[in-house]
């Protein structure tokens, strides 16, 4: 019976080490996934609503956000300023900002709204600055479409 105990301990320790080696890894320092939820313009003001997803296994304490949205080589929206938000581990937050509308951007959105064009290719890029991870960059491309029944609103 004493010969069985060392084999049992070796098997138990080997199993534990295998579980540790194959277990989930805690993600830290990954850039967030940032997407445009909605874009609207009215009275020479453009509003942008973003969805910011934290891929990290720890909270992302965002202190500052720098974002630009451009379409057809024209800047539609830009913001660089404080954010002061904490996104829980593997969570998503919605962030809304506004900026003064630029003439070239207004013309493009008016063409989209009137149906002169069906969609507008865009690039969303920027960075968030967090307390622990410093500057984390992001970039996304897509198309902007009218929101049916909501004049001046786009997705």
N, C-alpha and C. Protein backbone atom coordinates (compact mmCIF):
# COMPACT_ATOMS: atom_id res chain seq x y z
N UNK A 1 0.81 -1.20 0.00
CA UNK A 1 0.00 0.00 0.00
C UNK A 1 0.85 1.26 0.00
N UNK A 2 2.01 1.24 0.56
CA UNK A 2 2.86 2.41 0.58
C UNK A 2 3.40 2.75 -0.80
N UNK A 3 3.52 1.77 -1.68
CA UNK A 3 4.00 2.03 -3.04
C UNK A 3 2.97 2.80 -3.86
N UNK A 4 1.70 2.70 -3.53
CA UNK A 4 0.64 3.38 -4.25
C UNK A 4 0.62 4.88 -3.93
N UNK A 5 0.97 5.30 -2.74
CA UNK A 5 0.91 6.70 -2.33
C UNK A 5 1.81 7.60 -3.18
N UNK A 6 3.08 7.26 -3.43
CA UNK A 6 3.90 8.13 -4.28
C UNK A 6 3.35 8.28 -5.69
N UNK A 7 2.81 7.20 -6.25
CA UNK A 7 2.23 7.28 -7.60
C UNK A 7 1.02 8.20 -7.60
N UNK A 8 0.21 8.13 -6.57
CA UNK A 8 -0.98 8.97 -6.46
C UNK A 8 -0.58 10.44 -6.36
N UNK A 9 0.44 10.73 -5.54
CA UNK A 9 0.90 12.12 -5.39
C UNK A 9 1.49 12.65 -6.69
N UNK A 10 2.26 11.86 -7.38
CA UNK A 10 2.84 12.27 -8.66
C UNK A 10 1.74 12.56 -9.68
N UNK A 11 0.74 11.69 -9.72
CA UNK A 11 -0.39 11.89 -10.64
C UNK A 11 -1.17 13.15 -10.28
N UNK A 12 -1.39 13.37 -9.00
CA UNK A 12 -2.13 14.54 -8.54
C UNK A 12 -1.37 15.83 -8.87
N UNK A 13 -0.09 15.87 -8.59
CA UNK A 13 0.73 17.06 -8.87
C UNK A 13 0.83 17.29 -10.38
N UNK A 14 1.00 16.25 -11.16
CA UNK A 14 1.07 16.38 -12.62
C UNK A 14 -0.23 16.94 -13.18
N UNK A 15 -1.36 16.46 -12.66
CA UNK A 15 -2.67 16.96 -13.11
C UNK A 15 -2.84 18.44 -12.78
N UNK A 16 -2.44 18.83 -11.57
CA UNK A 16 -2.54 20.24 -11.16
C UNK A 16 -1.68 21.14 -12.04
N UNK A 17 -0.44 20.72 -12.32
CA UNK A 17 0.44 21.51 -13.19
C UNK A 17 -0.11 21.63 -14.60
N UNK A 18 -0.71 20.57 -15.11
CA UNK A 18 -1.31 20.59 -16.44
C UNK A 18 -2.48 21.57 -16.49
N UNK A 19 -3.30 21.56 -15.45
CA UNK A 19 -4.43 22.50 -15.39
C UNK A 19 -3.95 23.95 -15.35
N UNK A 20 -2.91 24.21 -14.59
CA UNK A 20 -2.37 25.57 -14.51
C UNK A 20 -1.81 26.00 -15.86
N UNK A 21 -1.09 25.13 -16.52
CA UNK A 21 -0.46 25.46 -17.81
C UNK A 21 -1.50 25.69 -18.90
N UNK A 22 -2.61 24.97 -18.84
CA UNK A 22 -3.62 25.08 -19.90
C UNK A 22 -4.76 26.02 -19.54
N UNK A 23 -4.73 26.61 -18.37
CA UNK A 23 -5.81 27.48 -17.92
C UNK A 23 -5.88 28.78 -18.69
N UNK A 24 -6.97 29.52 -18.47
CA UNK A 24 -7.15 30.82 -19.12
C UNK A 24 -6.04 31.78 -18.74
N UNK A 25 -5.62 32.55 -19.70
CA UNK A 25 -4.62 33.59 -19.46
C UNK A 25 -5.35 34.91 -19.26
N UNK A 26 -4.93 35.68 -18.29
CA UNK A 26 -5.52 36.98 -18.01
C UNK A 26 -4.95 37.99 -19.00
N UNK A 27 -5.83 38.59 -19.79
CA UNK A 27 -5.39 39.56 -20.80
C UNK A 27 -5.24 40.92 -20.14
N UNK A 28 -4.12 41.59 -20.41
CA UNK A 28 -3.85 42.94 -19.92
C UNK A 28 -3.22 43.75 -21.04
N UNK A 29 -3.53 45.03 -21.10
CA UNK A 29 -2.87 45.93 -22.05
C UNK A 29 -3.36 45.84 -23.48
N UNK A 30 -4.46 45.13 -23.73
CA UNK A 30 -5.00 45.03 -25.09
C UNK A 30 -5.79 46.30 -25.43
N UNK A 31 -5.66 46.76 -26.66
CA UNK A 31 -6.42 47.93 -27.11
C UNK A 31 -7.91 47.60 -27.14
N UNK A 32 -8.77 48.56 -26.81
CA UNK A 32 -10.20 48.30 -26.84
C UNK A 32 -10.71 48.22 -28.28
N UNK A 33 -11.86 47.60 -28.44
CA UNK A 33 -12.56 47.62 -29.73
C UNK A 33 -13.52 48.80 -29.67
N UNK A 34 -13.35 49.73 -30.60
CA UNK A 34 -14.17 50.94 -30.61
C UNK A 34 -14.96 50.97 -31.92
N UNK A 35 -16.28 51.12 -31.81
CA UNK A 35 -17.16 51.15 -32.98
C UNK A 35 -18.11 52.33 -32.87
N UNK A 36 -18.55 52.80 -34.03
CA UNK A 36 -19.53 53.87 -34.08
C UNK A 36 -20.93 53.27 -33.89
N UNK A 37 -21.66 53.74 -32.88
CA UNK A 37 -23.05 53.32 -32.69
C UNK A 37 -23.99 54.20 -33.50
N UNK A 38 -23.80 55.51 -33.39
CA UNK A 38 -24.68 56.44 -34.07
C UNK A 38 -23.98 57.76 -34.32
N UNK A 39 -24.36 58.39 -35.40
CA UNK A 39 -23.85 59.71 -35.79
C UNK A 39 -25.07 60.54 -36.15
N UNK A 40 -25.12 61.76 -35.66
CA UNK A 40 -26.24 62.64 -36.03
C UNK A 40 -25.73 64.07 -36.19
N UNK A 41 -26.48 64.84 -36.98
CA UNK A 41 -26.11 66.24 -37.12
C UNK A 41 -27.37 67.09 -37.19
N UNK A 42 -27.29 68.23 -36.51
CA UNK A 42 -28.41 69.17 -36.45
C UNK A 42 -27.88 70.50 -35.92
N UNK A 43 -28.32 71.58 -36.52
CA UNK A 43 -27.96 72.93 -36.08
C UNK A 43 -26.45 73.13 -35.98
N UNK A 44 -25.72 72.69 -36.99
CA UNK A 44 -24.27 72.85 -37.10
C UNK A 44 -23.49 72.15 -35.99
N UNK A 45 -24.11 71.13 -35.38
CA UNK A 45 -23.44 70.31 -34.36
C UNK A 45 -23.53 68.86 -34.81
N UNK A 46 -22.43 68.14 -34.68
CA UNK A 46 -22.41 66.72 -35.01
C UNK A 46 -22.19 65.94 -33.72
N UNK A 47 -23.01 64.93 -33.52
CA UNK A 47 -22.93 64.08 -32.33
C UNK A 47 -22.46 62.69 -32.74
N UNK A 48 -21.55 62.14 -31.98
CA UNK A 48 -21.02 60.81 -32.24
C UNK A 48 -21.15 59.97 -30.98
N UNK A 49 -21.74 58.79 -31.15
CA UNK A 49 -21.87 57.86 -30.04
C UNK A 49 -21.03 56.62 -30.36
N UNK A 50 -20.11 56.30 -29.45
CA UNK A 50 -19.20 55.18 -29.64
C UNK A 50 -19.51 54.06 -28.65
N UNK A 51 -19.19 52.86 -29.06
CA UNK A 51 -19.22 51.70 -28.18
C UNK A 51 -17.76 51.31 -27.95
N UNK A 52 -17.34 51.27 -26.69
CA UNK A 52 -15.95 50.95 -26.35
C UNK A 52 -15.95 49.64 -25.57
N UNK A 53 -15.34 48.61 -26.16
CA UNK A 53 -15.32 47.28 -25.53
C UNK A 53 -13.93 46.98 -24.98
N UNK A 54 -13.89 46.66 -23.70
CA UNK A 54 -12.64 46.31 -23.02
C UNK A 54 -12.40 44.81 -23.16
N UNK A 55 -11.34 44.43 -23.86
CA UNK A 55 -11.00 43.02 -24.05
C UNK A 55 -10.18 42.45 -22.90
N UNK A 56 -9.76 43.30 -22.00
CA UNK A 56 -8.87 42.91 -20.92
C UNK A 56 -9.62 42.18 -19.80
N UNK A 57 -8.90 41.35 -19.08
CA UNK A 57 -9.46 40.65 -17.94
C UNK A 57 -9.44 41.49 -16.68
N UNK A 58 -9.05 42.74 -16.81
CA UNK A 58 -9.03 43.70 -15.70
C UNK A 58 -9.73 44.98 -16.17
N UNK A 59 -10.24 45.79 -15.24
CA UNK A 59 -10.90 47.04 -15.65
C UNK A 59 -9.97 47.96 -16.43
N UNK A 60 -10.54 48.72 -17.34
CA UNK A 60 -9.80 49.71 -18.13
C UNK A 60 -10.23 51.09 -17.65
N UNK A 61 -9.34 51.77 -16.95
CA UNK A 61 -9.62 53.09 -16.38
C UNK A 61 -9.21 54.15 -17.39
N UNK A 62 -10.15 54.59 -18.22
CA UNK A 62 -9.87 55.53 -19.30
C UNK A 62 -9.86 56.96 -18.76
N UNK A 63 -8.76 57.66 -18.99
CA UNK A 63 -8.61 59.04 -18.56
C UNK A 63 -8.83 60.03 -19.70
N UNK A 64 -8.46 59.62 -20.91
CA UNK A 64 -8.52 60.52 -22.06
C UNK A 64 -8.87 59.72 -23.31
N UNK A 65 -9.59 60.37 -24.22
CA UNK A 65 -9.90 59.74 -25.50
C UNK A 65 -9.59 60.72 -26.62
N UNK A 66 -8.99 60.20 -27.67
CA UNK A 66 -8.66 60.97 -28.87
C UNK A 66 -9.27 60.20 -30.03
N UNK A 67 -10.22 60.80 -30.74
CA UNK A 67 -10.93 60.09 -31.80
C UNK A 67 -11.16 60.99 -33.00
N UNK A 68 -11.05 60.40 -34.19
CA UNK A 68 -11.40 61.13 -35.41
C UNK A 68 -12.18 60.20 -36.32
N UNK A 69 -13.17 60.77 -36.98
CA UNK A 69 -14.01 60.05 -37.93
C UNK A 69 -13.91 60.77 -39.25
N UNK A 70 -13.46 60.06 -40.28
CA UNK A 70 -13.33 60.69 -41.60
C UNK A 70 -14.02 59.83 -42.64
N UNK A 71 -14.49 60.50 -43.69
CA UNK A 71 -15.15 59.83 -44.81
C UNK A 71 -14.74 60.53 -46.09
N UNK A 72 -14.38 59.73 -47.07
CA UNK A 72 -13.94 60.27 -48.37
C UNK A 72 -12.89 61.36 -48.20
N UNK A 73 -11.90 61.10 -47.37
CA UNK A 73 -10.78 62.00 -47.09
C UNK A 73 -11.20 63.33 -46.47
N UNK A 74 -12.40 63.38 -45.91
CA UNK A 74 -12.88 64.58 -45.21
C UNK A 74 -13.08 64.24 -43.74
N UNK A 75 -12.61 65.12 -42.86
CA UNK A 75 -12.80 64.93 -41.43
C UNK A 75 -14.24 65.29 -41.07
N UNK A 76 -14.98 64.31 -40.57
CA UNK A 76 -16.36 64.57 -40.14
C UNK A 76 -16.43 64.98 -38.68
N UNK A 77 -15.56 64.39 -37.86
CA UNK A 77 -15.65 64.58 -36.42
C UNK A 77 -14.28 64.37 -35.79
N UNK A 78 -13.96 65.18 -34.79
CA UNK A 78 -12.76 64.93 -34.00
C UNK A 78 -13.00 65.37 -32.57
N UNK A 79 -12.37 64.64 -31.66
CA UNK A 79 -12.46 64.96 -30.24
C UNK A 79 -11.18 64.49 -29.57
N UNK A 80 -10.65 65.30 -28.70
CA UNK A 80 -9.50 64.94 -27.89
C UNK A 80 -9.70 65.58 -26.53
N UNK A 81 -9.98 64.76 -25.54
CA UNK A 81 -10.23 65.33 -24.23
C UNK A 81 -10.44 64.27 -23.17
N UNK A 82 -10.80 64.72 -21.99
CA UNK A 82 -10.96 63.79 -20.87
C UNK A 82 -12.16 62.86 -21.08
N UNK A 83 -12.02 61.66 -20.55
CA UNK A 83 -13.11 60.69 -20.63
C UNK A 83 -13.59 60.30 -19.24
N UNK A 84 -12.65 60.05 -18.33
CA UNK A 84 -12.95 59.70 -16.94
C UNK A 84 -14.04 58.63 -16.82
N UNK A 85 -13.76 57.48 -17.42
CA UNK A 85 -14.70 56.36 -17.32
C UNK A 85 -13.94 55.08 -17.02
N UNK A 86 -14.58 54.17 -16.34
CA UNK A 86 -13.97 52.90 -16.00
C UNK A 86 -14.81 51.80 -16.64
N UNK A 87 -14.19 51.03 -17.53
CA UNK A 87 -14.90 49.95 -18.23
C UNK A 87 -14.51 48.64 -17.55
N UNK A 88 -15.50 47.93 -17.04
CA UNK A 88 -15.23 46.69 -16.32
C UNK A 88 -14.54 45.68 -17.22
N UNK A 89 -13.90 44.70 -16.61
CA UNK A 89 -13.22 43.64 -17.36
C UNK A 89 -14.20 42.97 -18.33
N UNK A 90 -13.80 42.88 -19.58
CA UNK A 90 -14.60 42.27 -20.64
C UNK A 90 -15.95 42.96 -20.84
N UNK A 91 -16.05 44.22 -20.46
CA UNK A 91 -17.30 44.96 -20.56
C UNK A 91 -17.29 45.98 -21.69
N UNK A 92 -18.44 46.61 -21.89
CA UNK A 92 -18.62 47.61 -22.94
C UNK A 92 -19.31 48.83 -22.36
N UNK A 93 -18.85 49.99 -22.77
CA UNK A 93 -19.46 51.26 -22.37
C UNK A 93 -19.81 52.05 -23.63
N UNK A 94 -20.84 52.85 -23.53
CA UNK A 94 -21.21 53.76 -24.62
C UNK A 94 -20.73 55.15 -24.23
N UNK A 95 -20.09 55.83 -25.17
CA UNK A 95 -19.52 57.15 -24.92
C UNK A 95 -20.04 58.09 -26.00
N UNK A 96 -20.59 59.23 -25.61
CA UNK A 96 -21.14 60.20 -26.55
C UNK A 96 -20.36 61.51 -26.48
N UNK A 97 -20.13 62.12 -27.66
CA UNK A 97 -19.39 63.37 -27.76
C UNK A 97 -20.05 64.24 -28.84
N UNK A 98 -19.71 65.50 -28.84
CA UNK A 98 -20.18 66.37 -29.91
C UNK A 98 -19.09 67.33 -30.33
N UNK A 99 -19.22 67.80 -31.57
CA UNK A 99 -18.23 68.69 -32.17
C UNK A 99 -18.96 69.62 -33.13
N UNK A 100 -18.33 70.71 -33.44
CA UNK A 100 -18.88 71.63 -34.42
C UNK A 100 -18.81 70.99 -35.81
N UNK A 101 -19.91 71.08 -36.54
CA UNK A 101 -19.97 70.46 -37.86
C UNK A 101 -19.14 71.24 -38.87
N UNK A 102 -18.39 70.50 -39.67
CA UNK A 102 -17.59 71.10 -40.75
C UNK A 102 -18.41 71.10 -42.04
N UNK A 103 -18.19 72.07 -42.88
CA UNK A 103 -18.96 72.22 -44.12
C UNK A 103 -18.86 70.99 -45.00
N UNK A 104 -17.65 70.47 -45.21
CA UNK A 104 -17.47 69.29 -46.08
C UNK A 104 -18.21 68.08 -45.50
N UNK A 105 -18.20 67.93 -44.21
CA UNK A 105 -18.92 66.84 -43.56
C UNK A 105 -20.42 66.99 -43.71
N UNK A 106 -20.91 68.21 -43.56
CA UNK A 106 -22.35 68.46 -43.71
C UNK A 106 -22.81 68.11 -45.12
N UNK A 107 -22.01 68.48 -46.12
CA UNK A 107 -22.36 68.19 -47.52
C UNK A 107 -22.44 66.67 -47.73
N UNK A 108 -21.47 65.93 -47.22
CA UNK A 108 -21.48 64.47 -47.38
C UNK A 108 -22.68 63.83 -46.68
N UNK A 109 -22.98 64.25 -45.47
CA UNK A 109 -24.12 63.68 -44.74
C UNK A 109 -25.45 64.07 -45.38
N UNK A 110 -25.53 65.28 -45.93
CA UNK A 110 -26.76 65.70 -46.64
C UNK A 110 -26.98 64.85 -47.89
N UNK A 111 -25.90 64.52 -48.61
CA UNK A 111 -26.01 63.65 -49.79
C UNK A 111 -26.47 62.25 -49.39
N UNK A 112 -25.97 61.77 -48.28
CA UNK A 112 -26.38 60.46 -47.79
C UNK A 112 -27.84 60.47 -47.37
N UNK A 113 -28.24 61.52 -46.68
CA UNK A 113 -29.62 61.63 -46.21
C UNK A 113 -30.61 61.78 -47.37
N UNK A 114 -30.22 62.51 -48.41
CA UNK A 114 -31.12 62.74 -49.54
C UNK A 114 -31.21 61.53 -50.48
N UNK A 115 -30.30 60.57 -50.31
CA UNK A 115 -30.32 59.40 -51.18
C UNK A 115 -29.43 59.51 -52.40
N UNK A 116 -28.70 60.62 -52.52
CA UNK A 116 -27.77 60.77 -53.64
C UNK A 116 -26.68 59.70 -53.60
N UNK A 117 -26.32 59.27 -52.39
CA UNK A 117 -25.40 58.15 -52.21
C UNK A 117 -26.04 57.18 -51.22
N UNK A 118 -25.76 55.88 -51.39
CA UNK A 118 -26.38 54.86 -50.53
C UNK A 118 -25.65 54.65 -49.22
N UNK A 119 -24.34 54.79 -49.26
CA UNK A 119 -23.54 54.62 -48.04
C UNK A 119 -22.28 55.46 -48.16
N UNK A 120 -21.66 55.66 -47.04
CA UNK A 120 -20.47 56.50 -46.99
C UNK A 120 -19.37 55.72 -46.27
N UNK A 121 -18.29 55.33 -47.00
CA UNK A 121 -17.20 54.62 -46.32
C UNK A 121 -16.49 55.55 -45.33
N UNK A 122 -16.16 55.01 -44.17
CA UNK A 122 -15.53 55.84 -43.14
C UNK A 122 -14.37 55.10 -42.48
N UNK A 123 -13.53 55.90 -41.81
CA UNK A 123 -12.46 55.39 -40.96
C UNK A 123 -12.59 56.07 -39.60
N UNK A 124 -12.63 55.25 -38.58
CA UNK A 124 -12.67 55.71 -37.19
C UNK A 124 -11.34 55.31 -36.56
N UNK A 125 -10.59 56.28 -36.08
CA UNK A 125 -9.33 55.93 -35.45
C UNK A 125 -9.02 56.89 -34.31
N UNK A 126 -8.14 56.42 -33.44
CA UNK A 126 -7.75 57.25 -32.31
C UNK A 126 -7.08 56.42 -31.24
N UNK A 127 -7.20 56.89 -30.01
CA UNK A 127 -6.57 56.20 -28.88
C UNK A 127 -7.30 56.54 -27.60
N UNK A 128 -7.14 55.66 -26.64
CA UNK A 128 -7.58 55.94 -25.28
C UNK A 128 -6.33 55.88 -24.40
N UNK A 129 -6.31 56.71 -23.39
CA UNK A 129 -5.20 56.70 -22.44
C UNK A 129 -5.74 56.20 -21.11
N UNK A 130 -5.13 55.14 -20.62
CA UNK A 130 -5.56 54.57 -19.35
C UNK A 130 -4.47 54.76 -18.30
N UNK A 131 -4.87 54.67 -17.06
CA UNK A 131 -3.96 54.87 -15.94
C UNK A 131 -2.85 53.81 -15.96
N UNK A 132 -3.21 52.55 -16.12
CA UNK A 132 -2.24 51.47 -16.01
C UNK A 132 -1.55 51.11 -17.32
N UNK A 133 -2.23 51.26 -18.46
CA UNK A 133 -1.70 50.77 -19.73
C UNK A 133 -1.17 51.85 -20.66
N UNK A 134 -1.31 53.11 -20.30
CA UNK A 134 -0.84 54.19 -21.17
C UNK A 134 -1.75 54.36 -22.37
N UNK A 135 -1.18 54.67 -23.52
CA UNK A 135 -1.95 54.93 -24.73
C UNK A 135 -2.21 53.64 -25.49
N UNK A 136 -3.49 53.38 -25.77
CA UNK A 136 -3.91 52.20 -26.52
C UNK A 136 -4.62 52.68 -27.78
N UNK A 137 -4.07 52.34 -28.94
CA UNK A 137 -4.62 52.80 -30.23
C UNK A 137 -5.72 51.89 -30.74
N UNK A 138 -6.61 52.46 -31.56
CA UNK A 138 -7.65 51.68 -32.22
C UNK A 138 -7.90 52.27 -33.60
N UNK A 139 -8.46 51.43 -34.48
CA UNK A 139 -8.83 51.86 -35.83
C UNK A 139 -9.89 50.90 -36.36
N UNK A 140 -10.88 51.45 -37.06
CA UNK A 140 -11.95 50.64 -37.66
C UNK A 140 -12.44 51.32 -38.92
N UNK A 141 -12.75 50.53 -39.93
CA UNK A 141 -13.35 51.06 -41.15
C UNK A 141 -14.71 50.41 -41.33
N UNK A 142 -15.59 51.13 -42.00
CA UNK A 142 -16.94 50.62 -42.24
C UNK A 142 -17.69 51.55 -43.17
N UNK A 143 -19.01 51.46 -43.14
CA UNK A 143 -19.87 52.31 -43.96
C UNK A 143 -20.94 52.94 -43.09
N UNK A 144 -21.26 54.19 -43.39
CA UNK A 144 -22.31 54.92 -42.70
C UNK A 144 -23.57 54.83 -43.55
N UNK A 145 -24.71 54.55 -42.90
CA UNK A 145 -26.00 54.44 -43.57
C UNK A 145 -27.01 55.32 -42.84
N UNK A 146 -28.08 55.71 -43.54
CA UNK A 146 -29.20 56.42 -42.92
C UNK A 146 -29.88 55.51 -41.91
N UNK A 147 -30.42 56.11 -40.85
CA UNK A 147 -31.30 55.39 -39.94
C UNK A 147 -32.72 55.67 -40.45
N UNK A 148 -33.44 54.64 -40.92
CA UNK A 148 -34.78 54.86 -41.49
C UNK A 148 -35.71 55.53 -40.49
N UNK A 149 -36.41 56.55 -40.96
CA UNK A 149 -37.40 57.25 -40.15
C UNK A 149 -36.82 58.26 -39.16
N UNK A 150 -35.51 58.44 -39.16
CA UNK A 150 -34.89 59.38 -38.23
C UNK A 150 -33.98 60.33 -39.03
N UNK A 151 -34.54 61.40 -39.48
CA UNK A 151 -33.79 62.37 -40.30
C UNK A 151 -32.60 62.91 -39.54
N UNK A 152 -31.44 62.92 -40.22
CA UNK A 152 -30.22 63.44 -39.60
C UNK A 152 -29.49 62.46 -38.73
N UNK A 153 -29.95 61.19 -38.69
CA UNK A 153 -29.31 60.17 -37.87
C UNK A 153 -28.75 59.08 -38.77
N UNK A 154 -27.55 58.61 -38.43
CA UNK A 154 -26.83 57.65 -39.26
C UNK A 154 -26.19 56.58 -38.38
N UNK A 155 -25.96 55.40 -39.01
CA UNK A 155 -25.25 54.30 -38.33
C UNK A 155 -24.20 53.77 -39.26
